[in-house]
Amino acid sequence: MPIIPTIDELDALIVAELQDDGRRSYKEIGERLGVSAGTVRARALQLMEDGVVDVIAIPNAWKMGFPIVAVVGLRVTPGKAEAVADILAEREEIAWVGLVATGFDVMFEVALKDAQELGHYRERVIASLPGVASSEVFMLWSVRKLRFRLKADRKANGAAPKKASGKKTRRIRKARAK
């Protein structure tokens, strides 16, 4: 069973600030939350090291010259889904790979230059994956939303929220109100 990092109220507020703007400086986040930039930096780096957050740039495939954006669903023979997902995760043209509990066994998103490249991709990449029984390609013509906001539920992972005290509590309450 994987170890689930616990986060406290300040960590959750830092994550919320980074979700608003991943380019926001540690100094600005610290000012907004009433803590030092060093504290924010240390917390943010620990959150990244623990895999709680990644701060990345997400390119728009269409504007980057990749007009073929597709979600691909794979049905694979039992026992092969994790190996297939791991192989796909190593490929640069793939945005995300997921193991699926219903319908398909593995799904992923890929961006390609043209329909011919998609055809070659199906014949060369997908066909070469171990245990793939069938595939279905869903071509996207527009993405209306590409981000989501998660609010930390510290009770969900068994961690009791750490309480801030005194002046820090007032600052956190004030930051939450913003």
C-alpha atoms as a PDB file:
ATOM      1  CA  MET A   1       0.000   0.000   0.000  1.00  0.00           C
ATOM      2  CA  PRO A   2       1.497   3.358  -0.973  1.00  0.00           C
ATOM      3  CA  ILE A   3       2.377   5.859   1.708  1.00  0.00           C
ATOM      4  CA  ILE A   4       0.100   8.885   1.419  1.00  0.00           C
ATOM      5  CA  PRO A   5       1.831  12.089   2.459  1.00  0.00           C
ATOM      6  CA  THR A   6      -0.039  14.123   5.014  1.00  0.00           C
ATOM      7  CA  ILE A   7      -0.486  17.808   4.460  1.00  0.00           C
ATOM      8  CA  ASP A   8      -1.510  20.444   6.913  1.00  0.00           C
ATOM      9  CA  GLU A   9      -3.517  23.615   6.474  1.00  0.00           C
ATOM     10  CA  LEU A  10      -0.526  25.687   5.373  1.00  0.00           C
ATOM     11  CA  ASP A  11       0.466  23.076   2.771  1.00  0.00           C
ATOM     12  CA  ALA A  12      -3.107  23.118   1.431  1.00  0.00           C
ATOM     13  CA  LEU A  13      -3.037  26.910   1.183  1.00  0.00           C
ATOM     14  CA  ILE A  14       0.298  26.810  -0.647  1.00  0.00           C
ATOM     15  CA  VAL A  15      -1.130  24.281  -3.104  1.00  0.00           C
ATOM     16  CA  ALA A  16      -4.165  26.535  -3.638  1.00  0.00           C
ATOM     17  CA  GLU A  17      -1.864  29.496  -4.369  1.00  0.00           C
ATOM     18  CA  LEU A  18       0.124  27.425  -6.881  1.00  0.00           C
ATOM     19  CA  GLN A  19      -3.104  26.245  -8.525  1.00  0.00           C
ATOM     20  CA  ASP A  20      -4.100  29.881  -9.002  1.00  0.00           C
ATOM     21  CA  ASP A  21      -0.729  30.716 -10.573  1.00  0.00           C
ATOM     22  CA  GLY A  22       2.130  28.235 -10.722  1.00  0.00           C
ATOM     23  CA  ARG A  23       4.519  31.094 -11.559  1.00  0.00           C
ATOM     24  CA  ARG A  24       3.744  33.010  -8.375  1.00  0.00           C
ATOM     25  CA  SER A  25       6.932  33.594  -6.384  1.00  0.00           C
ATOM     26  CA  TYR A  26       7.519  32.064  -2.977  1.00  0.00           C
ATOM     27  CA  LYS A  27       7.865  35.610  -1.666  1.00  0.00           C
ATOM     28  CA  GLU A  28       4.419  36.616  -2.952  1.00  0.00           C
ATOM     29  CA  ILE A  29       2.818  33.417  -1.651  1.00  0.00           C
ATOM     30  CA  GLY A  30       4.482  34.006   1.720  1.00  0.00           C
ATOM     31  CA  GLU A  31       3.154  37.565   1.849  1.00  0.00           C
ATOM     32  CA  ARG A  32      -0.345  36.385   0.966  1.00  0.00           C
ATOM     33  CA  LEU A  33      -0.265  33.680   3.663  1.00  0.00           C
ATOM     34  CA  GLY A  34       1.648  35.606   6.320  1.00  0.00           C
ATOM     35  CA  VAL A  35       4.684  33.301   6.405  1.00  0.00           C
ATOM     36  CA  SER A  36       8.249  33.689   5.159  1.00  0.00           C
ATOM     37  CA  ALA A  37       9.293  32.979   1.577  1.00  0.00           C
ATOM     38  CA  GLY A  38      11.728  30.385   2.983  1.00  0.00           C
ATOM     39  CA  THR A  39       8.882  28.533   4.666  1.00  0.00           C
ATOM     40  CA  VAL A  40       6.859  28.530   1.446  1.00  0.00           C
ATOM     41  CA  ARG A  41       9.876  27.377  -0.563  1.00  0.00           C
ATOM     42  CA  ALA A  42      10.681  24.546   1.849  1.00  0.00           C
ATOM     43  CA  ARG A  43       7.046  23.417   1.978  1.00  0.00           C
ATOM     44  CA  ALA A  44       6.565  23.667  -1.799  1.00  0.00           C
ATOM     45  CA  LEU A  45       9.745  21.712  -2.530  1.00  0.00           C
ATOM     46  CA  GLN A  46       8.706  19.018  -0.037  1.00  0.00           C
ATOM     47  CA  LEU A  47       5.250  18.812  -1.634  1.00  0.00           C
ATOM     48  CA  MET A  48       6.915  18.363  -5.030  1.00  0.00           C
ATOM     49  CA  GLU A  49       9.379  15.774  -3.708  1.00  0.00           C
ATOM     50  CA  ASP A  50       6.502  13.840  -2.111  1.00  0.00           C
ATOM     51  CA  GLY A  51       4.615  13.846  -5.423  1.00  0.00           C
ATOM     52  CA  VAL A  52       1.714  15.860  -3.999  1.00  0.00           C
ATOM     53  CA  VAL A  53       2.076  18.537  -6.714  1.00  0.00           C
ATOM     54  CA  ASP A  54       3.946  19.196  -9.934  1.00  0.00           C
ATOM     55  CA  VAL A  55       4.358  22.749 -11.152  1.00  0.00           C
ATOM     56  CA  ILE A  56       4.530  22.537 -14.952  1.00  0.00           C
ATOM     57  CA  ALA A  57       3.702  24.369 -18.163  1.00  0.00           C
ATOM     58  CA  ILE A  58       0.910  22.737 -20.163  1.00  0.00           C
ATOM     59  CA  PRO A  59       1.250  23.429 -23.877  1.00  0.00           C
ATOM     60  CA  ASN A  60      -1.732  23.798 -26.198  1.00  0.00           C
ATOM     61  CA  ALA A  61      -1.130  20.990 -28.720  1.00  0.00           C
ATOM     62  CA  TRP A  62      -3.104  22.673 -31.502  1.00  0.00           C
ATOM     63  CA  LYS A  63      -1.203  25.954 -31.148  1.00  0.00           C
ATOM     64  CA  MET A  64       2.080  24.032 -31.003  1.00  0.00           C
ATOM     65  CA  GLY A  65       1.436  22.492 -34.438  1.00  0.00           C
ATOM     66  CA  PHE A  66      -0.140  19.172 -33.420  1.00  0.00           C
ATOM     67  CA  PRO A  67      -3.660  19.217 -34.900  1.00  0.00           C
ATOM     68  CA  ILE A  68      -4.327  15.545 -34.126  1.00  0.00           C
ATOM     69  CA  VAL A  69      -5.105  15.160 -30.437  1.00  0.00           C
ATOM     70  CA  ALA A  70      -6.654  11.862 -29.479  1.00  0.00           C
ATOM     71  CA  VAL A  71      -7.595   9.847 -26.439  1.00  0.00           C
ATOM     72  CA  VAL A  72      -6.913   6.167 -27.014  1.00  0.00           C
ATOM     73  CA  GLY A  73      -8.566   3.324 -25.126  1.00  0.00           C
ATOM     74  CA  LEU A  74      -6.869  -0.082 -25.041  1.00  0.00           C
ATOM     75  CA  ARG A  75      -8.214  -3.456 -24.041  1.00  0.00           C
ATOM     76  CA  VAL A  76      -5.362  -5.763 -23.090  1.00  0.00           C
ATOM     77  CA  THR A  77      -5.021  -9.364 -22.006  1.00  0.00           C
ATOM     78  CA  PRO A  78      -5.203  -9.884 -18.239  1.00  0.00           C
ATOM     79  CA  GLY A  79      -1.974  -9.112 -16.439  1.00  0.00           C
ATOM     80  CA  LYS A  80      -0.574  -6.826 -19.163  1.00  0.00           C
ATOM     81  CA  ALA A  81      -2.196  -3.466 -18.355  1.00  0.00           C
ATOM     82  CA  GLU A  82       0.514  -2.168 -16.011  1.00  0.00           C
ATOM     83  CA  ALA A  83       3.333  -3.157 -18.379  1.00  0.00           C
ATOM     84  CA  VAL A  84       1.557  -1.457 -21.308  1.00  0.00           C
ATOM     85  CA  ALA A  85       0.928   1.685 -19.229  1.00  0.00           C
ATOM     86  CA  ASP A  86       4.599   1.801 -18.209  1.00  0.00           C
ATOM     87  CA  ILE A  87       5.756   1.500 -21.838  1.00  0.00           C
ATOM     88  CA  LEU A  88       3.401   4.270 -22.930  1.00  0.00           C
ATOM     89  CA  ALA A  89       4.426   6.520 -20.030  1.00  0.00           C
ATOM     90  CA  GLU A  90       7.974   6.605 -21.429  1.00  0.00           C
ATOM     91  CA  ARG A  91       6.823   8.070 -24.767  1.00  0.00           C
ATOM     92  CA  GLU A  92       7.207  11.849 -25.173  1.00  0.00           C
ATOM     93  CA  GLU A  93       4.172  12.389 -27.418  1.00  0.00           C
ATOM     94  CA  ILE A  94       1.826  11.043 -24.745  1.00  0.00           C
ATOM     95  CA  ALA A  95       0.340  13.587 -22.313  1.00  0.00           C
ATOM     96  CA  TRP A  96      -1.039  11.165 -19.723  1.00  0.00           C
ATOM     97  CA  VAL A  97      -1.607   7.434 -19.239  1.00  0.00           C
ATOM     98  CA  GLY A  98      -4.169   5.890 -16.911  1.00  0.00           C
ATOM     99  CA  LEU A  99      -5.120   2.420 -15.784  1.00  0.00           C
ATOM    100  CA  VAL A 100      -8.884   2.152 -16.058  1.00  0.00           C
ATOM    101  CA  ALA A 101     -11.286   0.150 -13.892  1.00  0.00           C
ATOM    102  CA  THR A 102     -14.146  -0.011 -16.408  1.00  0.00           C
ATOM    103  CA  GLY A 103     -14.545  -0.230 -20.177  1.00  0.00           C
ATOM    104  CA  PHE A 104     -10.909  -0.091 -21.253  1.00  0.00           C
ATOM    105  CA  ASP A 105      -7.845  -1.327 -19.400  1.00  0.00           C
ATOM    106  CA  VAL A 106      -5.512   1.529 -20.343  1.00  0.00           C
ATOM    107  CA  MET A 107      -6.257   4.995 -21.712  1.00  0.00           C
ATOM    108  CA  PHE A 108      -3.896   7.711 -22.870  1.00  0.00           C
ATOM    109  CA  GLU A 109      -3.804  11.008 -24.734  1.00  0.00           C
ATOM    110  CA  VAL A 110      -1.496  11.599 -27.677  1.00  0.00           C
ATOM    111  CA  ALA A 111      -0.752  14.618 -29.897  1.00  0.00           C
ATOM    112  CA  LEU A 112       0.427  14.056 -33.482  1.00  0.00           C
ATOM    113  CA  LYS A 113       1.216  16.151 -36.585  1.00  0.00           C
ATOM    114  CA  ASP A 114      -1.371  14.730 -39.008  1.00  0.00           C
ATOM    115  CA  ALA A 115      -3.765  11.881 -39.827  1.00  0.00           C
ATOM    116  CA  GLN A 116      -1.024   9.942 -41.594  1.00  0.00           C
ATOM    117  CA  GLU A 117       1.092  10.035 -38.440  1.00  0.00           C
ATOM    118  CA  LEU A 118      -1.934   8.761 -36.489  1.00  0.00           C
ATOM    119  CA  GLY A 119      -2.278   5.858 -38.932  1.00  0.00           C
ATOM    120  CA  HIS A 120       1.398   4.979 -38.574  1.00  0.00           C
ATOM    121  CA  TYR A 121       1.073   5.332 -34.803  1.00  0.00           C
ATOM    122  CA  ARG A 122      -1.737   2.778 -34.710  1.00  0.00           C
ATOM    123  CA  GLU A 123       0.198   0.367 -36.928  1.00  0.00           C
ATOM    124  CA  ARG A 124       3.641   0.746 -35.359  1.00  0.00           C
ATOM    125  CA  VAL A 125       3.234   1.809 -31.742  1.00  0.00           C
ATOM    126  CA  ILE A 126      -0.125   0.488 -30.597  1.00  0.00           C
ATOM    127  CA  ALA A 127       0.183  -2.769 -32.542  1.00  0.00           C
ATOM    128  CA  SER A 128       3.603  -3.433 -30.967  1.00  0.00           C
ATOM    129  CA  LEU A 129       2.366  -3.191 -27.380  1.00  0.00           C
ATOM    130  CA  PRO A 130       2.291  -6.540 -25.546  1.00  0.00           C
ATOM    131  CA  GLY A 131      -1.148  -8.056 -25.069  1.00  0.00           C
ATOM    132  CA  VAL A 132      -3.251  -5.385 -26.798  1.00  0.00           C
ATOM    133  CA  ALA A 133      -6.485  -7.063 -27.894  1.00  0.00           C
ATOM    134  CA  SER A 134      -8.201  -3.960 -29.282  1.00  0.00           C
ATOM    135  CA  SER A 135      -7.972  -0.190 -29.379  1.00  0.00           C
ATOM    136  CA  GLU A 136     -10.345   2.675 -29.935  1.00  0.00           C
ATOM    137  CA  VAL A 137      -9.279   6.205 -30.859  1.00  0.00           C
ATOM    138  CA  PHE A 138     -11.331   9.234 -29.845  1.00  0.00           C
ATOM    139  CA  MET A 139     -10.186  12.315 -31.769  1.00  0.00           C
ATOM    140  CA  LEU A 140     -10.654  15.596 -29.944  1.00  0.00           C
ATOM    141  CA  TRP A 141     -11.565  18.714 -31.875  1.00  0.00           C
ATOM    142  CA  SER A 142     -11.644  21.015 -28.862  1.00  0.00           C
ATOM    143  CA  VAL A 143     -10.703  20.946 -25.190  1.00  0.00           C
ATOM    144  CA  ARG A 144     -12.849  23.262 -23.080  1.00  0.00           C
ATOM    145  CA  LYS A 145     -11.017  22.784 -19.814  1.00  0.00           C
ATOM    146  CA  LEU A 146      -7.582  21.374 -19.035  1.00  0.00           C
ATOM    147  CA  ARG A 147      -7.141  21.956 -15.342  1.00  0.00           C
ATOM    148  CA  PHE A 148      -8.884  21.109 -12.154  1.00  0.00           C
ATOM    149  CA  ARG A 149      -8.759  22.401  -8.635  1.00  0.00           C
ATOM    150  CA  LEU A 150      -8.451  19.957  -5.806  1.00  0.00           C
ATOM    151  CA  LYS A 151      -9.041  21.029  -2.274  1.00  0.00           C
ATOM    152  CA  ALA A 152      -7.077  18.972   0.197  1.00  0.00           C
ATOM    153  CA  ASP A 153      -9.184  16.748   2.391  1.00  0.00           C
ATOM    154  CA  ARG A 154      -6.763  15.959   5.155  1.00  0.00           C
ATOM    155  CA  LYS A 155      -9.302  13.655   6.789  1.00  0.00           C
ATOM    156  CA  ALA A 156      -9.471  11.487   3.660  1.00  0.00           C
ATOM    157  CA  ASN A 157      -5.874  10.321   4.021  1.00  0.00           C
ATOM    158  CA  GLY A 158      -6.162   9.693   7.742  1.00  0.00           C
ATOM    159  CA  ALA A 159      -4.203  12.761   8.778  1.00  0.00           C
ATOM    160  CA  ALA A 160      -5.515  15.158  11.307  1.00  0.00           C
ATOM    161  CA  PRO A 161      -4.901  18.729  10.236  1.00  0.00           C
ATOM    162  CA  LYS A 162      -2.084  20.375  12.124  1.00  0.00           C
ATOM    163  CA  LYS A 163      -3.282  23.453  13.927  1.00  0.00           C
ATOM    164  CA  ALA A 164      -1.529  26.744  13.505  1.00  0.00           C
ATOM    165  CA  SER A 165      -1.477  28.967  16.539  1.00  0.00           C
ATOM    166  CA  GLY A 166      -1.760  32.628  17.418  1.00  0.00           C
ATOM    167  CA  LYS A 167      -0.804  35.176  14.779  1.00  0.00           C
ATOM    168  CA  LYS A 168      -0.289  32.450  12.152  1.00  0.00           C
ATOM    169  CA  THR A 169      -3.913  31.255  12.539  1.00  0.00           C
ATOM    170  CA  ARG A 170      -5.244  34.761  11.951  1.00  0.00           C
ATOM    171  CA  ARG A 171      -3.096  35.122   8.833  1.00  0.00           C
ATOM    172  CA  ILE A 172      -4.274  31.780   7.463  1.00  0.00           C
ATOM    173  CA  ARG A 173      -7.916  32.667   8.128  1.00  0.00           C
ATOM    174  CA  LYS A 174      -7.367  36.001   6.374  1.00  0.00           C
ATOM    175  CA  ALA A 175      -5.734  34.235   3.397  1.00  0.00           C
ATOM    176  CA  ARG A 176      -8.659  31.793   3.182  1.00  0.00           C
ATOM    177  CA  ALA A 177     -11.059  34.704   3.030  1.00  0.00           C
ATOM    178  CA  LYS A 178      -9.290  36.148  -0.072  1.00  0.00           C
END
